[in-house]
């Protein structure tokens, strides 16, 4: 018990023990808070990693689609341009027809 005072000794002991309990619990509460903060930070890092992977997958699919569209469009456009040049009666088409006739005559 505490030294004799004007207040009852049991009350003094009760207040003293409550204060000691609060001071004794402080390190445990601090560690618990620290662990919760680390867990939350790790969770946010994982969420950011998943979001980045999803964005990269979307970008990859977009690039693949654009590349396939480019591959499919280039030969068709070149073929159409060449066919138009041959059948339009321009100088290039006439020259190609003359060259083909000359090659046929040689064989």
Foldseek 3Di string as FASTA:
>chain_A
DDDDDPDDPVVVVVVVVVVVVVVVCVVVVVVVVVVVVVVVVVVVVVVVVVVVVVVVVVVVVVVVVVVVVVVVPVVVVVVVVVVCVLPVPDPVNVVVVVVVVVVVVVD
